[in-house]
Protein backbone atom coordinates (compact mmCIF):
# COMPACT_ATOMS: atom_id res chain seq x y z
CA GLN A 1 0.28 -0.09 -0.03
CA CYS A 2 3.08 1.96 0.24
CA THR A 3 4.44 1.71 -3.23
CA GLY A 4 8.04 3.36 -2.56
CA THR A 5 8.76 1.50 0.78
CA ALA A 6 7.59 -1.55 -0.70
CA THR A 7 9.83 -1.21 -3.42
CA VAL A 8 13.03 -0.42 -1.25
CA LEU A 9 12.30 -3.26 1.27
CA GLN A 10 11.09 -6.19 -1.45
CA SER A 11 14.61 -5.36 -3.46
CA ALA A 12 16.32 -5.37 -0.34
CA ARG A 13 14.72 -8.67 0.51
CA SER A 14 15.16 -10.51 -2.84
CA PHE A 15 19.16 -9.19 -2.87
CA ALA A 16 19.07 -10.56 0.68
CA LEU A 17 17.45 -14.13 0.08
CA VAL A 18 19.72 -14.36 -3.88
CA ILE A 19 22.85 -14.01 -1.94
CA GLY A 20 21.86 -16.59 0.55
CA ASN A 21 20.83 -19.27 -2.08
CA ASN A 22 23.13 -18.61 -4.91
CA ALA A 23 26.90 -19.73 -4.05
CA THR A 24 28.07 -17.94 -7.05
CA ILE A 25 26.76 -14.53 -6.36
CA ARG A 26 27.54 -14.69 -2.57
CA HIS A 27 31.56 -15.99 -3.81
CA LYS A 28 31.68 -13.05 -5.95
CA LEU A 29 30.00 -10.61 -2.81
CA HIS A 30 32.75 -11.97 -0.92
CA ILE A 31 35.71 -10.85 -3.45
CA GLN A 32 34.50 -7.63 -3.55
CA GLN A 33 34.02 -7.38 0.33
CA MET A 34 37.58 -8.09 1.36
CA ALA A 35 38.93 -6.17 -1.26
CA GLU A 36 36.93 -3.17 -0.12
CA TYR A 37 37.14 -3.96 3.33
CA ARG A 38 39.52 -6.90 4.03
CA GLY A 39 36.89 -8.86 5.44
CA VAL A 40 33.88 -11.18 4.91
CA GLN A 41 30.25 -9.47 5.61
CA THR A 42 26.98 -11.78 5.60
CA ILE A 43 23.67 -10.14 4.59
CA SER A 44 21.50 -11.18 7.23
CA GLN A 45 18.52 -13.55 6.12
CA ASN A 46 16.69 -14.47 9.36
CA SER A 47 15.76 -12.75 12.35
CA PRO A 48 13.09 -13.10 15.01
CA THR A 49 10.40 -11.26 13.77
CA ARG A 50 9.71 -10.12 10.32
CA PHE A 51 10.56 -6.52 10.76
CA GLY A 52 13.78 -7.77 12.22
CA MET A 53 14.70 -9.26 9.80
CA LEU A 54 13.90 -6.17 7.26
CA TYR A 55 15.79 -3.96 9.45
CA TYR A 56 18.97 -6.26 10.02
CA MET A 57 19.21 -6.88 5.97
CA MET A 58 19.47 -3.45 5.36
CA CYS A 59 21.57 -2.68 7.97
CA ASP A 60 24.15 -5.28 6.26
CA MET A 61 23.50 -4.11 2.87
CA LEU A 62 24.66 -0.50 4.08
CA ARG A 63 27.59 -1.76 5.74
CA SER A 64 28.78 -3.52 2.63
CA LYS A 65 26.85 -0.79 0.26
CA GLU A 66 30.79 0.05 -1.81
CA ALA A 67 31.54 -3.63 -2.22
CA ILE A 68 27.74 -4.55 -4.17
CA ARG A 69 28.49 -1.87 -6.52
CA GLY A 70 31.02 -2.92 -7.38
CA MET A 71 29.80 -6.24 -7.70
CA LEU A 72 27.09 -5.09 -10.05
CA LEU A 73 29.46 -2.58 -11.71
CA ASP A 74 32.24 -5.43 -12.38
CA SER A 75 32.57 -6.75 -15.93
CA ALA A 76 31.85 -10.14 -15.02
CA TRP A 77 28.59 -9.16 -13.72
CA GLU A 78 26.46 -9.54 -16.79
CA LEU A 79 27.59 -13.38 -16.82
CA LEU A 80 26.68 -14.24 -13.62
CA THR A 81 23.03 -12.87 -14.44
CA ASN A 82 22.19 -15.66 -16.64
CA GLU A 83 21.93 -17.63 -13.63
CA HIS A 84 19.23 -15.81 -11.91
CA THR A 85 17.02 -13.47 -13.81
CA GLN A 86 15.79 -11.46 -10.41
CA ALA A 87 19.75 -10.18 -10.61
CA ALA A 88 19.61 -8.74 -13.80
CA THR A 89 17.27 -5.97 -12.50
CA TRP A 90 19.57 -4.71 -9.52
CA SER A 91 22.44 -2.63 -12.03
CA ASP A 92 19.35 -0.42 -12.94
CA VAL A 93 18.09 -0.04 -9.14
CA MET A 94 21.48 -0.56 -6.89
CA VAL A 95 23.96 1.22 -8.64
CA SER A 96 22.67 4.60 -8.51
CA GLU A 97 22.72 6.58 -5.27
CA ARG A 98 19.51 7.50 -4.82
CA TYR A 99 18.15 3.63 -4.11
CA TRP A 100 20.79 3.54 -1.19
CA THR A 101 19.43 7.14 0.25
CA GLY A 102 15.87 5.39 -0.01
CA LEU A 103 17.15 2.18 1.71
CA LYS A 104 18.65 4.50 4.72
CA HIS A 105 15.34 6.44 5.07
CA VAL A 106 13.51 3.55 5.15
CA LYS A 107 15.53 1.97 7.50
CA ALA A 108 15.02 4.59 9.69
CA LEU A 109 11.40 4.67 9.64
CA ILE A 110 11.60 0.41 10.52
CA LEU A 111 13.70 0.73 13.70
CA PRO A 112 11.01 1.47 16.26
CA ILE A 113 8.46 -0.79 14.63
CA MET A 114 11.05 -3.61 14.99
CA GLU A 115 11.95 -2.22 18.92
CA ALA A 116 7.49 -2.14 19.19
CA ILE A 117 7.45 -5.28 18.65
CA THR A 118 10.13 -7.02 20.53
CA ALA A 119 8.40 -5.02 23.28
CA LEU A 120 5.50 -6.38 23.17
CA GLU A 121 6.70 -9.69 22.39
CA ALA A 122 8.29 -9.91 25.43
CA ASP A 123 8.28 -12.52 28.14
CA MET A 124 5.69 -10.30 30.28
CA PRO A 125 4.05 -7.91 27.91
CA LYS A 126 1.06 -6.26 29.93
CA LEU A 127 -1.83 -4.86 28.56
CA SER A 128 -1.20 -1.08 29.18
CA SER A 129 1.58 -0.61 27.22
CA VAL A 130 0.14 -1.33 24.14
CA TYR A 131 -1.39 2.34 24.04
CA PRO A 132 2.12 4.27 24.54
CA VAL A 133 3.76 2.16 22.47
CA TRP A 134 0.87 2.46 19.32
CA LEU A 135 1.22 6.35 20.51
CA SER A 136 4.68 6.44 19.72
CA LEU A 137 4.79 4.48 16.47
CA LEU A 138 1.98 7.20 15.42
CA ARG A 139 4.26 9.85 15.96
CA HIS A 140 7.34 8.31 14.58
CA SER A 141 5.66 7.58 11.23
CA LYS A 142 4.42 11.79 11.23
CA THR A 143 8.19 13.08 12.29
CA TRP A 144 9.62 10.57 9.58
CA ALA A 145 7.03 11.90 7.10
CA SER A 146 7.72 15.40 7.58
CA ASP A 147 11.40 14.95 7.63
CA ALA A 148 12.41 16.87 4.24
CA SER A 149 15.30 14.90 3.42
CA VAL A 150 13.27 12.10 3.21
CA PRO A 151 12.02 11.68 -0.93
CA PRO A 152 7.92 12.56 -1.35
CA SER A 153 8.19 8.96 -3.28
CA LEU A 154 8.64 7.46 0.29
CA LYS A 155 6.20 9.08 2.37
CA THR A 156 2.85 8.05 -0.32
CA GLY A 157 0.89 6.29 2.25
CA VAL A 158 2.96 6.06 4.85
CA VAL A 159 1.04 7.56 7.81
CA GLU A 160 -2.19 6.56 6.33
CA ALA A 161 -1.15 3.11 6.66
CA PHE A 162 0.16 3.42 10.33
CA GLU A 163 -3.36 5.28 11.05
CA ARG A 164 -5.59 2.40 8.94
CA ARG A 165 -3.78 -0.10 11.15
CA PHE A 166 -4.17 1.23 14.94
CA SER A 167 -7.70 2.44 14.24
CA LYS A 168 -7.90 -1.52 12.57
CA HIS A 169 -6.80 -3.39 15.79
CA GLN A 170 -7.60 -0.66 18.62
CA HIS A 171 -9.51 -1.35 21.88
CA PRO A 172 -11.01 -0.47 24.55
CA SER A 173 -9.04 -2.37 27.39
CA TRP A 174 -5.80 -0.56 25.57
CA TYR A 175 -6.91 3.34 27.20
CA ALA A 176 -8.45 1.51 30.55
CA ALA A 177 -5.83 -0.44 31.35
CA HIS A 178 -2.95 2.62 30.97
CA ALA A 179 -5.16 5.26 32.19
CA LEU A 180 -5.30 3.03 35.32
CA ASP A 181 -1.94 1.83 35.37
CA PRO A 182 0.12 3.34 38.24
CA ALA A 183 3.34 3.02 36.50
CA PHE A 184 2.30 5.52 33.89
CA ALA A 185 1.44 8.19 36.72
CA THR A 186 2.51 11.46 36.38
CA VAL A 187 3.13 14.19 39.11
CA GLU A 188 2.56 17.90 38.70
CA ASN A 189 2.82 20.67 41.75
CA GLY A 190 3.68 17.81 44.06
CA GLN A 191 -0.15 16.36 43.43
CA TRP A 192 0.14 12.71 41.53
CA SER A 193 -2.30 11.67 39.13
CA LEU A 194 -3.14 8.57 36.53
CA ALA A 195 -3.12 9.20 33.39
CA ALA A 196 -6.04 11.81 33.07
CA SER A 197 -4.91 13.40 29.45
CA THR A 198 -5.81 9.27 28.46
CA MET A 199 -8.95 9.32 31.03
CA LEU A 200 -10.38 12.48 29.79
CA ALA A 201 -9.68 12.03 25.98
CA ASN A 202 -11.38 8.19 26.09
CA THR A 203 -13.67 8.99 28.91
CA ASP A 204 -16.87 7.06 26.85
CA ILE A 205 -14.64 4.45 25.97
CA ILE A 206 -13.37 3.51 28.94
CA LEU A 207 -16.19 3.55 31.39
CA PRO A 208 -18.25 0.79 29.66
CA LEU A 209 -15.42 -1.75 29.94
CA VAL A 210 -14.60 -0.30 33.53
CA SER A 211 -17.83 -1.14 34.88
CA ARG A 212 -18.42 -4.27 33.80
CA LEU A 213 -14.95 -5.67 34.74
CA GLY A 214 -15.40 -3.88 38.09
CA GLY A 215 -18.71 -5.23 38.69
CA GLY A 216 -20.57 -1.60 39.28
CA THR A 217 -23.09 0.43 37.42
CA LEU A 218 -22.00 3.12 34.99
CA ASP A 219 -23.03 6.49 36.91
CA ALA A 220 -20.45 4.37 39.78
CA ALA A 221 -17.93 4.29 37.74
CA GLN A 222 -18.11 7.86 36.14
CA ALA A 223 -18.19 8.99 40.04
CA GLU A 224 -15.26 7.83 40.94
CA LEU A 225 -13.38 7.99 37.55
CA THR A 226 -14.32 11.77 37.67
CA SER A 227 -13.63 11.92 41.39
CA LEU A 228 -10.08 10.36 40.60
CA THR A 229 -9.17 12.38 37.39
CA LEU A 230 -10.00 15.51 39.33
CA THR A 231 -8.57 14.85 42.66
CA GLY A 232 -6.19 12.96 41.85
CA VAL A 233 -4.31 10.55 43.88
CA PRO A 234 -5.36 9.87 48.17
CA PRO A 235 -2.24 11.64 50.00
CA CYS A 236 -2.10 8.32 51.98
CA LEU A 237 -0.79 6.85 48.78
CA ALA A 238 0.80 9.67 47.02
CA SER A 239 4.09 9.06 48.98
CA HIS A 240 4.29 5.47 47.12
CA MET A 241 3.95 6.59 43.48
CA PRO A 242 7.56 7.64 42.55
CA ARG A 243 8.46 3.85 43.26
CA LEU A 244 5.57 2.36 41.27
CA ALA A 245 6.71 4.60 38.56
CA ALA A 246 9.81 4.86 38.44
CA ARG A 247 11.79 2.63 35.37
CA VAL A 248 15.28 0.76 35.87
CA ALA A 249 17.71 0.77 33.76
CA GLY A 250 18.74 -3.09 32.62
CA LYS A 251 21.85 -3.98 31.13
CA ASP A 252 20.69 -4.15 27.80
CA GLY A 253 19.45 -0.28 28.02
CA SER A 254 15.96 -1.36 28.12
CA GLN A 255 13.57 0.56 31.04
CA ALA A 256 12.15 -1.95 33.73
CA MET A 257 8.80 -1.04 34.71
CA SER A 258 8.08 -2.03 38.69
CA ASP A 259 6.73 -5.22 39.16
CA ILE A 260 2.94 -6.05 38.11
CA SER A 261 1.95 -7.49 41.64
CA LEU A 262 3.47 -3.88 43.33
CA ARG A 263 0.92 -1.96 40.95
CA ARG A 264 -2.12 -4.32 41.30
CA GLY A 265 -1.15 -4.34 44.87
CA TRP A 266 -1.35 -1.03 45.31
CA TRP A 267 -5.25 -0.45 43.62
CA LYS A 268 -6.05 -3.24 46.20
CA LEU A 269 -5.16 -0.88 48.72
CA MET A 270 -7.17 2.08 46.51
CA GLY A 271 -9.89 -0.27 46.78
CA LYS A 272 -10.33 0.41 50.42
CA GLN A 273 -10.12 4.51 49.30
CA GLY A 274 -12.97 4.86 47.82
CA PHE A 275 -12.69 3.70 44.40
CA PRO A 276 -13.86 -0.52 45.06
CA ILE A 277 -15.04 -0.39 40.83
CA LEU A 278 -11.93 0.86 39.91
CA ALA A 279 -9.75 -0.99 41.82
CA ALA A 280 -11.78 -4.28 40.83
CA ALA A 281 -11.17 -3.57 36.86
CA ALA A 282 -7.88 -2.17 37.55
CA GLN A 283 -6.66 -5.39 38.66
CA ARG A 284 -8.15 -7.55 36.18
CA MET A 285 -6.78 -5.23 33.10
CA LEU A 286 -3.00 -5.60 35.28
CA ALA A 287 -2.57 -8.86 34.86
CA CYS A 288 -3.48 -9.21 30.99
CA HIS A 289 -0.84 -10.34 29.02
CA VAL A 290 -0.65 -8.87 25.28
CA THR A 291 -0.04 -11.75 22.76
CA THR A 292 0.41 -15.11 23.76
CA ALA A 293 4.44 -15.40 22.95
CA SER A 294 5.03 -16.17 26.50
CA ALA A 295 2.15 -19.49 26.39
CA GLU A 296 4.26 -20.69 22.75
CA ARG A 297 7.82 -19.87 24.24
CA ASN A 298 6.30 -22.24 27.45
CA TRP A 299 5.62 -24.77 24.82
CA SER A 300 8.43 -24.56 22.38
CA ALA A 301 9.93 -25.26 26.19
CA TRP A 302 8.24 -28.16 26.42
CA GLY A 303 9.14 -29.68 23.06
CA ARG A 304 13.01 -28.89 23.49
CA THR A 305 12.40 -30.80 26.90
CA TYR A 306 10.68 -34.03 25.72
CA VAL A 307 12.92 -35.39 22.97
CA PRO A 308 13.60 -39.30 22.32
CA LEU A 309 16.62 -39.21 24.16
CA ARG A 310 14.26 -38.12 27.13
CA SER A 311 11.25 -40.28 26.99
CA SER A 312 11.17 -41.65 30.43
CA LEU A 313 11.29 -37.99 31.74
CA LYS A 314 8.70 -37.81 34.63
CA VAL A 315 6.01 -34.81 34.21
CA SER A 316 6.54 -33.81 37.55
CA THR A 317 10.61 -32.91 36.80
CA ALA A 318 9.50 -32.03 33.40
CA GLU A 319 7.57 -29.54 35.14
CA LYS A 320 10.13 -28.20 37.70
CA LEU A 321 13.08 -28.32 34.38
CA ILE A 322 10.72 -25.84 32.43
CA TYR A 323 10.24 -23.47 36.11
CA ILE A 324 13.74 -22.96 36.42
CA LYS A 325 14.05 -22.09 32.40
CA ALA A 326 11.61 -19.64 32.24
CA ASN A 327 12.32 -18.23 35.92
CA LYS A 328 16.17 -18.14 35.62
CA GLY A 329 17.20 -14.39 35.42
CA GLY A 330 14.22 -13.07 34.67
CA ALA A 331 12.20 -14.11 38.14
CA LYS A 332 13.38 -11.68 40.21
CA SER A 333 11.97 -8.28 40.47
CA VAL A 334 14.15 -4.75 39.91
CA HIS A 335 12.36 -4.17 42.91
CA GLU A 336 12.92 -7.16 45.15
CA ASP A 337 15.83 -5.15 47.39
CA TRP A 338 13.84 -2.57 48.21
CA GLU A 339 12.28 -2.15 51.48
CA VAL A 340 8.68 -3.05 52.50
CA PHE A 341 7.16 0.58 51.20
CA LEU A 342 3.66 0.01 51.41
CA THR A 343 2.21 -0.64 54.96
CA THR A 344 0.92 -4.23 55.83
CA ILE A 345 -2.36 -3.69 56.16
CA ARG A 346 -5.52 -6.87 56.63
CA GLU A 347 -8.63 -6.81 55.20
CA GLU A 348 -11.92 -8.99 56.13
CA ASP A 349 -12.60 -11.34 52.54
CA ALA A 350 -16.03 -11.91 51.87
CA GLU A 351 -16.12 -14.86 54.12
CA GLY A 352 -14.73 -12.94 56.84
CA GLU A 353 -11.68 -14.25 56.73
CA GLU A 354 -8.52 -12.01 57.05
CA GLU A 355 -5.78 -11.58 54.56
CA GLU A 356 -2.85 -9.76 54.02
CA VAL A 357 -1.44 -8.18 51.82
CA VAL A 358 1.88 -7.60 51.57
CA LEU A 359 3.61 -5.26 48.65
CA VAL A 360 7.30 -5.41 48.14
């Protein structure tokens, strides 16, 4: 649907596939790379995600730009293309500087898409993260399209494609989960509030879902939402917001949010402060995963564990192995070393028994 961008992507993918499958052309490129860089550089063909494959493919091609152009301009290239009709079209396209400029711009367009897919297909993605990720992508597409250095032919249909995809897949739960997640709370003049802009702009979308999940009427849910929007977080719980909204930098440069059990536990406390409907709805939505990636990884782990050489493995032993694998290096929260920052409370459950809530 985006003709200019699609042409660049298709030619890059075609080039990478031919280089990977045709030993003669690949050998010719390696010779050219040795002459240009004194070393061989591979062209990626595989990646965990489709956009990841396209991105790394374009990075490799740009890194080998001079070698690729040298190969196409070589006098022996015409003889090589007799073996592959698709390769014959590259001489007219990839020799020009215009093509490589377009490739660089399309790579810049794709990078945030790849990062968004990675973020939402992580081991434990949460529903509240979807809306901000999509907002970031929409802003990125508009910023990219407004760049004067990007050729007009590449811009055609790009912003519209992003907006069309967003409109097709958006769901009320995106807005509701984001609005009620304390990890996205903001502070102004010392007053903490949840994602007020999301609440105010999408109240009509959020209310029916919140009232249904919270087990209350529409009017009661609206009263709680209005009160929370106008007054902000109750003072008795506001002191804990900096830690709930904090981001902790990981070794890979990622930003880890506070543990989901802390954010759900905070809402359990909010339920005692006059927001029972919002609290019930928030606890349910904050527990929702975005994709089935975790379940699929679990099935893959089982498949790698139950192999012919382990045909007599007990189910109980396999469960322990899978548990260790799933939690190795990632089970501990980035907040586990914090002191207990929310006071232990006791509340009566529906059957009159006491339940202790400890948030650490």
